[in-house]
Amino acid sequence: LRLSCSASGRTFSNYAMGWFRQAPGREREFVAAISWSDENTGYADSV
């Protein structure tokens, strides 16, 4: 699957972005993140 996130409002390019997820009965957890320069990314070990 490919998830998309559309941003509107202020200058998007100055924002670091992330994806999180929450399963029933569990806390929200980090999935992935990306710097606004698109240079750096990070991932949870599970993904």
ModelCIF file with pLDDT and N, C-alpha, C, O atoms, coordinates in Angstrom:
data_MODEL
#
_entry.id   MODEL 
#
_entity.id                         1 
_entity.type                       polymer 
_entity.pdbx_number_of_molecules   1 
#
_entity_poly.entity_id                      1 
_entity_poly.type                           'polypeptide(L)' 
_entity_poly.nstd_linkage                   no 
_entity_poly.nstd_monomer                   no 
_entity_poly.pdbx_seq_one_letter_code       LRLSCSASGRTFSNYAMGWFRQAPGREREFVAAISWSDENTGYADSV 
_entity_poly.pdbx_seq_one_letter_code_can   LRLSCSASGRTFSNYAMGWFRQAPGREREFVAAISWSDENTGYADSV 
_entity_poly.pdbx_strand_id                 A 
#
loop_
_entity_poly_seq.entity_id 
_entity_poly_seq.num 
_entity_poly_seq.mon_id 
_entity_poly_seq.hetero 
1 1  LEU n 
1 2  ARG n 
1 3  LEU n 
1 4  SER n 
1 5  CYS n 
1 6  SER n 
1 7  ALA n 
1 8  SER n 
1 9  GLY n 
1 10 ARG n 
1 11 THR n 
1 12 PHE n 
1 13 SER n 
1 14 ASN n 
1 15 TYR n 
1 16 ALA n 
1 17 MET n 
1 18 GLY n 
1 19 TRP n 
1 20 PHE n 
1 21 ARG n 
1 22 GLN n 
1 23 ALA n 
1 24 PRO n 
1 25 GLY n 
1 26 ARG n 
1 27 GLU n 
1 28 ARG n 
1 29 GLU n 
1 30 PHE n 
1 31 VAL n 
1 32 ALA n 
1 33 ALA n 
1 34 ILE n 
1 35 SER n 
1 36 TRP n 
1 37 SER n 
1 38 ASP n 
1 39 GLU n 
1 40 ASN n 
1 41 THR n 
1 42 GLY n 
1 43 TYR n 
1 44 ALA n 
1 45 ASP n 
1 46 SER n 
1 47 VAL n 
#
_struct_asym.id          A 
_struct_asym.entity_id   1 
#
loop_
_ma_qa_metric.id 
_ma_qa_metric.mode 
_ma_qa_metric.name 
_ma_qa_metric.software_group_id 
_ma_qa_metric.type 
1 global pLDDT . pLDDT 
2 local  pLDDT . pLDDT 
#
_ma_qa_metric_global.metric_id      1 
_ma_qa_metric_global.metric_value   93.09 
_ma_qa_metric_global.model_id       1 
_ma_qa_metric_global.ordinal_id     1 
#
loop_
_ma_qa_metric_local.label_asym_id 
_ma_qa_metric_local.label_comp_id 
_ma_qa_metric_local.label_seq_id 
_ma_qa_metric_local.metric_id 
_ma_qa_metric_local.metric_value 
_ma_qa_metric_local.model_id 
_ma_qa_metric_local.ordinal_id 
A LEU 1  2 98.00 1 1  
A ARG 2  2 98.00 1 2  
A LEU 3  2 98.00 1 3  
A SER 4  2 98.00 1 4  
A CYS 5  2 97.00 1 5  
A SER 6  2 96.00 1 6  
A ALA 7  2 94.00 1 7  
A SER 8  2 90.00 1 8  
A GLY 9  2 77.00 1 9  
A ARG 10 2 68.00 1 10 
A THR 11 2 73.00 1 11 
A PHE 12 2 77.00 1 12 
A SER 13 2 78.00 1 13 
A ASN 14 2 90.00 1 14 
A TYR 15 2 93.00 1 15 
A ALA 16 2 95.00 1 16 
A MET 17 2 96.00 1 17 
A GLY 18 2 98.00 1 18 
A TRP 19 2 98.00 1 19 
A PHE 20 2 98.00 1 20 
A ARG 21 2 98.00 1 21 
A GLN 22 2 98.00 1 22 
A ALA 23 2 96.00 1 23 
A PRO 24 2 92.00 1 24 
A GLY 25 2 94.00 1 25 
A ARG 26 2 96.00 1 26 
A GLU 27 2 96.00 1 27 
A ARG 28 2 97.00 1 28 
A GLU 29 2 98.00 1 29 
A PHE 30 2 98.00 1 30 
A VAL 31 2 98.00 1 31 
A ALA 32 2 98.00 1 32 
A ALA 33 2 98.00 1 33 
A ILE 34 2 97.00 1 34 
A SER 35 2 95.00 1 35 
A TRP 36 2 90.00 1 36 
A SER 37 2 88.00 1 37 
A ASP 38 2 75.00 1 38 
A GLU 39 2 84.00 1 39 
A ASN 40 2 95.00 1 40 
A THR 41 2 97.00 1 41 
A GLY 42 2 97.00 1 42 
A TYR 43 2 98.00 1 43 
A ALA 44 2 98.00 1 44 
A ASP 45 2 98.00 1 45 
A SER 46 2 98.00 1 46 
A VAL 47 2 98.00 1 47 
#
loop_
_atom_site.group_PDB 
_atom_site.id 
_atom_site.type_symbol 
_atom_site.label_atom_id 
_atom_site.label_alt_id 
_atom_site.label_comp_id 
_atom_site.label_asym_id 
_atom_site.label_entity_id 
_atom_site.label_seq_id 
_atom_site.pdbx_PDB_ins_code 
_atom_site.Cartn_x 
_atom_site.Cartn_y 
_atom_site.Cartn_z 
_atom_site.occupancy 
_atom_site.B_iso_or_equiv 
_atom_site.pdbx_formal_charge 
_atom_site.auth_seq_id 
_atom_site.auth_comp_id 
_atom_site.auth_asym_id 
_atom_site.auth_atom_id 
_atom_site.pdbx_PDB_model_num 
ATOM 1   N N  . LEU A 1 1  ? 0.857  -1.172 0.000  1.00 98.00 ? 1  LEU A N  1 
ATOM 2   C CA . LEU A 1 1  ? 0.000  0.000  0.000  1.00 98.00 ? 1  LEU A CA 1 
ATOM 3   C C  . LEU A 1 1  ? 0.896  1.225  0.000  1.00 98.00 ? 1  LEU A C  1 
ATOM 4   O O  . LEU A 1 1  ? 2.020  1.187  0.500  1.00 98.00 ? 1  LEU A O  1 
ATOM 5   N N  . ARG A 1 2  ? 0.385  2.314  -0.568 1.00 98.00 ? 2  ARG A N  1 
ATOM 6   C CA . ARG A 1 2  ? 1.080  3.579  -0.451 1.00 98.00 ? 2  ARG A CA 1 
ATOM 7   C C  . ARG A 1 2  ? 0.155  4.592  0.202  1.00 98.00 ? 2  ARG A C  1 
ATOM 8   O O  . ARG A 1 2  ? -0.922 4.897  -0.311 1.00 98.00 ? 2  ARG A O  1 
ATOM 9   N N  . LEU A 1 3  ? 0.590  5.103  1.332  1.00 98.00 ? 3  LEU A N  1 
ATOM 10  C CA . LEU A 1 3  ? -0.148 6.153  2.017  1.00 98.00 ? 3  LEU A CA 1 
ATOM 11  C C  . LEU A 1 3  ? 0.352  7.507  1.545  1.00 98.00 ? 3  LEU A C  1 
ATOM 12  O O  . LEU A 1 3  ? 1.533  7.694  1.253  1.00 98.00 ? 3  LEU A O  1 
ATOM 13  N N  . SER A 1 4  ? -0.585 8.448  1.480  1.00 98.00 ? 4  SER A N  1 
ATOM 14  C CA . SER A 1 4  ? -0.241 9.810  1.101  1.00 98.00 ? 4  SER A CA 1 
ATOM 15  C C  . SER A 1 4  ? -0.699 10.764 2.191  1.00 98.00 ? 4  SER A C  1 
ATOM 16  O O  . SER A 1 4  ? -1.697 10.527 2.870  1.00 98.00 ? 4  SER A O  1 
ATOM 17  N N  . CYS A 1 5  ? 0.045  11.836 2.340  1.00 97.00 ? 5  CYS A N  1 
ATOM 18  C CA . CYS A 1 5  ? -0.309 12.883 3.295  1.00 97.00 ? 5  CYS A CA 1 
ATOM 19  C C  . CYS A 1 5  ? -0.211 14.214 2.558  1.00 97.00 ? 5  CYS A C  1 
ATOM 20  O O  . CYS A 1 5  ? 0.856  14.605 2.086  1.00 97.00 ? 5  CYS A O  1 
ATOM 21  N N  . SER A 1 6  ? -1.332 14.890 2.470  1.00 96.00 ? 6  SER A N  1 
ATOM 22  C CA . SER A 1 6  ? -1.377 16.192 1.812  1.00 96.00 ? 6  SER A CA 1 
ATOM 23  C C  . SER A 1 6  ? -1.327 17.288 2.862  1.00 96.00 ? 6  SER A C  1 
ATOM 24  O O  . SER A 1 6  ? -2.078 17.257 3.836  1.00 96.00 ? 6  SER A O  1 
ATOM 25  N N  . ALA A 1 7  ? -0.440 18.257 2.662  1.00 94.00 ? 7  ALA A N  1 
ATOM 26  C CA . ALA A 1 7  ? -0.268 19.346 3.616  1.00 94.00 ? 7  ALA A CA 1 
ATOM 27  C C  . ALA A 1 7  ? -0.705 20.660 2.995  1.00 94.00 ? 7  ALA A C  1 
ATOM 28  O O  . ALA A 1 7  ? -0.424 20.924 1.826  1.00 94.00 ? 7  ALA A O  1 
ATOM 29  N N  . SER A 1 8  ? -1.384 21.478 3.769  1.00 90.00 ? 8  SER A N  1 
ATOM 30  C CA . SER A 1 8  ? -1.778 22.805 3.307  1.00 90.00 ? 8  SER A CA 1 
ATOM 31  C C  . SER A 1 8  ? -1.530 23.786 4.437  1.00 90.00 ? 8  SER A C  1 
ATOM 32  O O  . SER A 1 8  ? -1.457 23.411 5.607  1.00 90.00 ? 8  SER A O  1 
ATOM 33  N N  . GLY A 1 9  ? -1.404 25.029 4.069  1.00 77.00 ? 9  GLY A N  1 
ATOM 34  C CA . GLY A 1 9  ? -1.169 26.041 5.084  1.00 77.00 ? 9  GLY A CA 1 
ATOM 35  C C  . GLY A 1 9  ? 0.189  26.686 4.901  1.00 77.00 ? 9  GLY A C  1 
ATOM 36  O O  . GLY A 1 9  ? 0.509  27.205 3.831  1.00 77.00 ? 9  GLY A O  1 
ATOM 37  N N  . ARG A 1 10 ? 0.973  26.647 5.947  1.00 68.00 ? 10 ARG A N  1 
ATOM 38  C CA . ARG A 1 10 ? 2.272  27.309 5.930  1.00 68.00 ? 10 ARG A CA 1 
ATOM 39  C C  . ARG A 1 10 ? 3.256  26.589 5.013  1.00 68.00 ? 10 ARG A C  1 
ATOM 40  O O  . ARG A 1 10 ? 2.937  25.558 4.420  1.00 68.00 ? 10 ARG A O  1 
ATOM 41  N N  . THR A 1 11 ? 4.437  27.143 4.911  1.00 73.00 ? 11 THR A N  1 
ATOM 42  C CA . THR A 1 11 ? 5.464  26.612 4.028  1.00 73.00 ? 11 THR A CA 1 
ATOM 43  C C  . THR A 1 11 ? 5.829  25.197 4.433  1.00 73.00 ? 11 THR A C  1 
ATOM 44  O O  . THR A 1 11 ? 6.505  24.976 5.438  1.00 73.00 ? 11 THR A O  1 
ATOM 45  N N  . PHE A 1 12 ? 5.382  24.263 3.651  1.00 77.00 ? 12 PHE A N  1 
ATOM 46  C CA . PHE A 1 12 ? 5.572  22.852 3.954  1.00 77.00 ? 12 PHE A CA 1 
ATOM 47  C C  . PHE A 1 12 ? 7.036  22.464 3.958  1.00 77.00 ? 12 PHE A C  1 
ATOM 48  O O  . PHE A 1 12 ? 7.436  21.580 4.716  1.00 77.00 ? 12 PHE A O  1 
ATOM 49  N N  . SER A 1 13 ? 7.829  23.093 3.144  1.00 78.00 ? 13 SER A N  1 
ATOM 50  C CA . SER A 1 13 ? 9.207  22.665 3.003  1.00 78.00 ? 13 SER A CA 1 
ATOM 51  C C  . SER A 1 13 ? 10.039 22.909 4.255  1.00 78.00 ? 13 SER A C  1 
ATOM 52  O O  . SER A 1 13 ? 11.154 22.396 4.351  1.00 78.00 ? 13 SER A O  1 
ATOM 53  N N  . ASN A 1 14 ? 9.530  23.681 5.220  1.00 90.00 ? 14 ASN A N  1 
ATOM 54  C CA . ASN A 1 14 ? 10.257 23.902 6.467  1.00 90.00 ? 14 ASN A CA 1 
ATOM 55  C C  . ASN A 1 14 ? 9.840  22.923 7.567  1.00 90.00 ? 14 ASN A C  1 
ATOM 56  O O  . ASN A 1 14 ? 10.212 23.091 8.728  1.00 90.00 ? 14 ASN A O  1 
ATOM 57  N N  . TYR A 1 15 ? 9.079  21.919 7.202  1.00 93.00 ? 15 TYR A N  1 
ATOM 58  C CA . TYR A 1 15 ? 8.548  20.996 8.183  1.00 93.00 ? 15 TYR A CA 1 
ATOM 59  C C  . TYR A 1 15 ? 9.166  19.614 8.034  1.00 93.00 ? 15 TYR A C  1 
ATOM 60  O O  . TYR A 1 15 ? 9.150  19.021 6.955  1.00 93.00 ? 15 TYR A O  1 
ATOM 61  N N  . ALA A 1 16 ? 9.714  19.110 9.143  1.00 95.00 ? 16 ALA A N  1 
ATOM 62  C CA . ALA A 1 16 ? 10.051 17.700 9.191  1.00 95.00 ? 16 ALA A CA 1 
ATOM 63  C C  . ALA A 1 16 ? 8.742  16.926 9.353  1.00 95.00 ? 16 ALA A C  1 
ATOM 64  O O  . ALA A 1 16 ? 7.825  17.369 10.044 1.00 95.00 ? 16 ALA A O  1 
ATOM 65  N N  . MET A 1 17 ? 8.677  15.769 8.708  1.00 96.00 ? 17 MET A N  1 
ATOM 66  C CA . MET A 1 17 ? 7.431  15.004 8.689  1.00 96.00 ? 17 MET A CA 1 
ATOM 67  C C  . MET A 1 17 ? 7.649  13.586 9.207  1.00 96.00 ? 17 MET A C  1 
ATOM 68  O O  . MET A 1 17 ? 8.744  13.029 9.120  1.00 96.00 ? 17 MET A O  1 
ATOM 69  N N  . GLY A 1 18 ? 6.586  13.029 9.741  1.00 98.00 ? 18 GLY A N  1 
ATOM 70  C CA . GLY A 1 18 ? 6.682  11.665 10.247 1.00 98.00 ? 18 GLY A CA 1 
ATOM 71  C C  . GLY A 1 18 ? 5.393  10.903 10.048 1.00 98.00 ? 18 GLY A C  1 
ATOM 72  O O  . GLY A 1 18 ? 4.329  11.486 9.840  1.00 98.00 ? 18 GLY A O  1 
ATOM 73  N N  . TRP A 1 19 ? 5.506  9.598  10.115 1.00 98.00 ? 19 TRP A N  1 
ATOM 74  C CA . TRP A 1 19 ? 4.361  8.702  10.128 1.00 98.00 ? 19 TRP A CA 1 
ATOM 75  C C  . TRP A 1 19 ? 4.383  7.915  11.441 1.00 98.00 ? 19 TRP A C  1 
ATOM 76  O O  . TRP A 1 19 ? 5.415  7.400  11.871 1.00 98.00 ? 19 TRP A O  1 
ATOM 77  N N  . PHE A 1 20 ? 3.215  7.847  12.047 1.00 98.00 ? 20 PHE A N  1 
ATOM 78  C CA . PHE A 1 20 ? 3.026  7.068  13.266 1.00 98.00 ? 20 PHE A CA 1 
ATOM 79  C C  . PHE A 1 20 ? 1.842  6.139  13.052 1.00 98.00 ? 20 PHE A C  1 
ATOM 80  O O  . PHE A 1 20 ? 1.077  6.308  12.102 1.00 98.00 ? 20 PHE A O  1 
ATOM 81  N N  . ARG A 1 21 ? 1.691  5.162  13.932 1.00 98.00 ? 21 ARG A N  1 
ATOM 82  C CA . ARG A 1 21 ? 0.543  4.281  13.831 1.00 98.00 ? 21 ARG A CA 1 
ATOM 83  C C  . ARG A 1 21 ? 0.071  3.886  15.224 1.00 98.00 ? 21 ARG A C  1 
ATOM 84  O O  . ARG A 1 21 ? 0.832  3.899  16.191 1.00 98.00 ? 21 ARG A O  1 
ATOM 85  N N  . GLN A 1 22 ? -1.201 3.537  15.292 1.00 98.00 ? 22 GLN A N  1 
ATOM 86  C CA . GLN A 1 22 ? -1.773 3.107  16.558 1.00 98.00 ? 22 GLN A CA 1 
ATOM 87  C C  . GLN A 1 22 ? -2.732 1.959  16.313 1.00 98.00 ? 22 GLN A C  1 
ATOM 88  O O  . GLN A 1 22 ? -3.728 2.097  15.603 1.00 98.00 ? 22 GLN A O  1 
ATOM 89  N N  . ALA A 1 23 ? -2.416 0.832  16.912 1.00 96.00 ? 23 ALA A N  1 
ATOM 90  C CA . ALA A 1 23 ? -3.278 -0.351 16.840 1.00 96.00 ? 23 ALA A CA 1 
ATOM 91  C C  . ALA A 1 23 ? -4.206 -0.353 18.053 1.00 96.00 ? 23 ALA A C  1 
ATOM 92  O O  . ALA A 1 23 ? -3.891 0.262  19.072 1.00 96.00 ? 23 ALA A O  1 
ATOM 93  N N  . PRO A 1 24 ? -5.345 -1.037 17.954 1.00 92.00 ? 24 PRO A N  1 
ATOM 94  C CA . PRO A 1 24 ? -6.280 -1.078 19.085 1.00 92.00 ? 24 PRO A CA 1 
ATOM 95  C C  . PRO A 1 24 ? -5.615 -1.587 20.359 1.00 92.00 ? 24 PRO A C  1 
ATOM 96  O O  . PRO A 1 24 ? -4.943 -2.618 20.355 1.00 92.00 ? 24 PRO A O  1 
ATOM 97  N N  . GLY A 1 25 ? -5.812 -0.850 21.441 1.00 94.00 ? 25 GLY A N  1 
ATOM 98  C CA . GLY A 1 25 ? -5.268 -1.254 22.719 1.00 94.00 ? 25 GLY A CA 1 
ATOM 99  C C  . GLY A 1 25 ? -3.795 -0.993 22.902 1.00 94.00 ? 25 GLY A C  1 
ATOM 100 O O  . GLY A 1 25 ? -3.205 -1.397 23.904 1.00 94.00 ? 25 GLY A O  1 
ATOM 101 N N  . ARG A 1 26 ? -3.189 -0.313 21.928 1.00 96.00 ? 26 ARG A N  1 
ATOM 102 C CA . ARG A 1 26 ? -1.761 -0.051 22.010 1.00 96.00 ? 26 ARG A CA 1 
ATOM 103 C C  . ARG A 1 26 ? -1.489 1.451  21.901 1.00 96.00 ? 26 ARG A C  1 
ATOM 104 O O  . ARG A 1 26 ? -2.327 2.216  21.424 1.00 96.00 ? 26 ARG A O  1 
ATOM 105 N N  . GLU A 1 27 ? -0.322 1.845  22.345 1.00 96.00 ? 27 GLU A N  1 
ATOM 106 C CA . GLU A 1 27 ? 0.062  3.248  22.260 1.00 96.00 ? 27 GLU A CA 1 
ATOM 107 C C  . GLU A 1 27 ? 0.480  3.591  20.827 1.00 96.00 ? 27 GLU A C  1 
ATOM 108 O O  . GLU A 1 27 ? 0.858  2.723  20.040 1.00 96.00 ? 27 GLU A O  1 
ATOM 109 N N  . ARG A 1 28 ? 0.397  4.887  20.521 1.00 97.00 ? 28 ARG A N  1 
ATOM 110 C CA . ARG A 1 28 ? 0.854  5.336  19.213 1.00 97.00 ? 28 ARG A CA 1 
ATOM 111 C C  . ARG A 1 28 ? 2.362  5.120  19.120 1.00 97.00 ? 28 ARG A C  1 
ATOM 112 O O  . ARG A 1 28 ? 3.098  5.418  20.060 1.00 97.00 ? 28 ARG A O  1 
ATOM 113 N N  . GLU A 1 29 ? 2.812  4.604  17.988 1.00 98.00 ? 29 GLU A N  1 
ATOM 114 C CA . GLU A 1 29 ? 4.236  4.315  17.841 1.00 98.00 ? 29 GLU A CA 1 
ATOM 115 C C  . GLU A 1 29 ? 4.791  4.926  16.562 1.00 98.00 ? 29 GLU A C  1 
ATOM 116 O O  . GLU A 1 29 ? 4.084  5.121  15.573 1.00 98.00 ? 29 GLU A O  1 
ATOM 117 N N  . PHE A 1 30 ? 6.059  5.213  16.621 1.00 98.00 ? 30 PHE A N  1 
ATOM 118 C CA . PHE A 1 30 ? 6.784  5.782  15.492 1.00 98.00 ? 30 PHE A CA 1 
ATOM 119 C C  . PHE A 1 30 ? 6.930  4.758  14.379 1.00 98.00 ? 30 PHE A C  1 
ATOM 120 O O  . PHE A 1 30 ? 7.178  3.580  14.637 1.00 98.00 ? 30 PHE A O  1 
ATOM 121 N N  . VAL A 1 31 ? 6.776  5.209  13.147 1.00 98.00 ? 31 VAL A N  1 
ATOM 122 C CA . VAL A 1 31 ? 6.965  4.346  11.987 1.00 98.00 ? 31 VAL A CA 1 
ATOM 123 C C  . VAL A 1 31 ? 8.144  4.835  11.137 1.00 98.00 ? 31 VAL A C  1 
ATOM 124 O O  . VAL A 1 31 ? 9.082  4.083  10.873 1.00 98.00 ? 31 VAL A O  1 
ATOM 125 N N  . ALA A 1 32 ? 8.087  6.098  10.714 1.00 98.00 ? 32 ALA A N  1 
ATOM 126 C CA . ALA A 1 32 ? 9.134  6.633  9.841  1.00 98.00 ? 32 ALA A CA 1 
ATOM 127 C C  . ALA A 1 32 ? 9.105  8.149  9.902  1.00 98.00 ? 32 ALA A C  1 
ATOM 128 O O  . ALA A 1 32 ? 8.088  8.743  10.260 1.00 98.00 ? 32 ALA A O  1 
ATOM 129 N N  . ALA A 1 33 ? 10.227 8.776  9.551  1.00 98.00 ? 33 ALA A N  1 
ATOM 130 C CA . ALA A 1 33 ? 10.304 10.228 9.543  1.00 98.00 ? 33 ALA A CA 1 
ATOM 131 C C  . ALA A 1 33 ? 11.279 10.680 8.475  1.00 98.00 ? 33 ALA A C  1 
ATOM 132 O O  . ALA A 1 33 ? 12.151 9.923  8.050  1.00 98.00 ? 33 ALA A O  1 
ATOM 133 N N  . ILE A 1 34 ? 11.119 11.932 8.044  1.00 97.00 ? 34 ILE A N  1 
ATOM 134 C CA . ILE A 1 34 ? 11.961 12.474 6.992  1.00 97.00 ? 34 ILE A CA 1 
ATOM 135 C C  . ILE A 1 34 ? 12.236 13.941 7.270  1.00 97.00 ? 34 ILE A C  1 
ATOM 136 O O  . ILE A 1 34 ? 11.352 14.669 7.721  1.00 97.00 ? 34 ILE A O  1 
ATOM 137 N N  . SER A 1 35 ? 13.450 14.371 7.003  1.00 95.00 ? 35 SER A N  1 
ATOM 138 C CA . SER A 1 35 ? 13.815 15.767 7.183  1.00 95.00 ? 35 SER A CA 1 
ATOM 139 C C  . SER A 1 35 ? 13.216 16.612 6.066  1.00 95.00 ? 35 SER A C  1 
ATOM 140 O O  . SER A 1 35 ? 12.830 16.088 5.022  1.00 95.00 ? 35 SER A O  1 
ATOM 141 N N  . TRP A 1 36 ? 13.140 17.941 6.293  1.00 90.00 ? 36 TRP A N  1 
ATOM 142 C CA . TRP A 1 36 ? 12.501 18.753 5.255  1.00 90.00 ? 36 TRP A CA 1 
ATOM 143 C C  . TRP A 1 36 ? 13.385 18.922 4.037  1.00 90.00 ? 36 TRP A C  1 
ATOM 144 O O  . TRP A 1 36 ? 12.905 19.251 2.953  1.00 90.00 ? 36 TRP A O  1 
ATOM 145 N N  . SER A 1 37 ? 14.675 18.699 4.216  1.00 88.00 ? 37 SER A N  1 
ATOM 146 C CA . SER A 1 37 ? 15.583 18.747 3.066  1.00 88.00 ? 37 SER A CA 1 
ATOM 147 C C  . SER A 1 37 ? 15.548 17.471 2.248  1.00 88.00 ? 37 SER A C  1 
ATOM 148 O O  . SER A 1 37 ? 16.150 17.398 1.176  1.00 88.00 ? 37 SER A O  1 
ATOM 149 N N  . ASP A 1 38 ? 14.841 16.457 2.751  1.00 75.00 ? 38 ASP A N  1 
ATOM 150 C CA . ASP A 1 38 ? 14.758 15.162 2.067  1.00 75.00 ? 38 ASP A CA 1 
ATOM 151 C C  . ASP A 1 38 ? 16.090 14.413 2.099  1.00 75.00 ? 38 ASP A C  1 
ATOM 152 O O  . ASP A 1 38 ? 16.268 13.425 1.386  1.00 75.00 ? 38 ASP A O  1 
ATOM 153 N N  . GLU A 1 39 ? 17.029 14.886 2.931  1.00 84.00 ? 39 GLU A N  1 
ATOM 154 C CA . GLU A 1 39 ? 18.340 14.232 2.996  1.00 84.00 ? 39 GLU A CA 1 
ATOM 155 C C  . GLU A 1 39 ? 18.343 13.023 3.906  1.00 84.00 ? 39 GLU A C  1 
ATOM 156 O O  . GLU A 1 39 ? 19.025 12.034 3.639  1.00 84.00 ? 39 GLU A O  1 
ATOM 157 N N  . ASN A 1 40 ? 17.577 13.106 4.984  1.00 95.00 ? 40 ASN A N  1 
ATOM 158 C CA . ASN A 1 40 ? 17.659 12.086 6.026  1.00 95.00 ? 40 ASN A CA 1 
ATOM 159 C C  . ASN A 1 40 ? 16.308 11.461 6.317  1.00 95.00 ? 40 ASN A C  1 
ATOM 160 O O  . ASN A 1 40 ? 15.276 12.132 6.320  1.00 95.00 ? 40 ASN A O  1 
ATOM 161 N N  . THR A 1 41 ? 16.342 10.168 6.560  1.00 97.00 ? 41 THR A N  1 
ATOM 162 C CA . THR A 1 41 ? 15.144 9.438  6.941  1.00 97.00 ? 41 THR A CA 1 
ATOM 163 C C  . THR A 1 41 ? 15.453 8.501  8.099  1.00 97.00 ? 41 THR A C  1 
ATOM 164 O O  . THR A 1 41 ? 16.603 8.119  8.317  1.00 97.00 ? 41 THR A O  1 
ATOM 165 N N  . GLY A 1 42 ? 14.424 8.141  8.828  1.00 97.00 ? 42 GLY A N  1 
ATOM 166 C CA . GLY A 1 42 ? 14.578 7.203  9.933  1.00 97.00 ? 42 GLY A CA 1 
ATOM 167 C C  . GLY A 1 42 ? 13.383 6.267  9.981  1.00 97.00 ? 42 GLY A C  1 
ATOM 168 O O  . GLY A 1 42 ? 12.276 6.640  9.592  1.00 97.00 ? 42 GLY A O  1 
ATOM 169 N N  . TYR A 1 43 ? 13.611 5.054  10.458 1.00 98.00 ? 43 TYR A N  1 
ATOM 170 C CA . TYR A 1 43 ? 12.567 4.046  10.486 1.00 98.00 ? 43 TYR A CA 1 
ATOM 171 C C  . TYR A 1 43 ? 12.578 3.268  11.801 1.00 98.00 ? 43 TYR A C  1 
ATOM 172 O O  . TYR A 1 43 ? 13.616 3.078  12.434 1.00 98.00 ? 43 TYR A O  1 
ATOM 173 N N  . ALA A 1 44 ? 11.393 2.831  12.177 1.00 98.00 ? 44 ALA A N  1 
ATOM 174 C CA . ALA A 1 44 ? 11.314 1.883  13.283 1.00 98.00 ? 44 ALA A CA 1 
ATOM 175 C C  . ALA A 1 44 ? 11.905 0.556  12.827 1.00 98.00 ? 44 ALA A C  1 
ATOM 176 O O  . ALA A 1 44 ? 11.819 0.197  11.653 1.00 98.00 ? 44 ALA A O  1 
ATOM 177 N N  . ASP A 1 45 ? 12.497 -0.155 13.750 1.00 98.00 ? 45 ASP A N  1 
ATOM 178 C CA . ASP A 1 45 ? 13.108 -1.444 13.390 1.00 98.00 ? 45 ASP A CA 1 
ATOM 179 C C  . ASP A 1 45 ? 12.085 -2.398 12.779 1.00 98.00 ? 45 ASP A C  1 
ATOM 180 O O  . ASP A 1 45 ? 12.424 -3.204 11.912 1.00 98.00 ? 45 ASP A O  1 
ATOM 181 N N  . SER A 1 46 ? 10.860 -2.310 13.223 1.00 98.00 ? 46 SER A N  1 
ATOM 182 C CA . SER A 1 46 ? 9.819  -3.244 12.772 1.00 98.00 ? 46 SER A CA 1 
ATOM 183 C C  . SER A 1 46 ? 9.450  -3.054 11.305 1.00 98.00 ? 46 SER A C  1 
ATOM 184 O O  . SER A 1 46 ? 8.873  -3.953 10.694 1.00 98.00 ? 46 SER A O  1 
ATOM 185 N N  . VAL A 1 47 ? 9.777  -1.888 10.731 1.00 98.00 ? 47 VAL A N  1 
ATOM 186 C CA . VAL A 1 47 ? 9.393  -1.633 9.339  1.00 98.00 ? 47 VAL A CA 1 
ATOM 187 C C  . VAL A 1 47 ? 10.599 -1.427 8.434  1.00 98.00 ? 47 VAL A C  1 
ATOM 188 O O  . VAL A 1 47 ? 10.440 -1.203 7.234  1.00 98.00 ? 47 VAL A O  1 
#
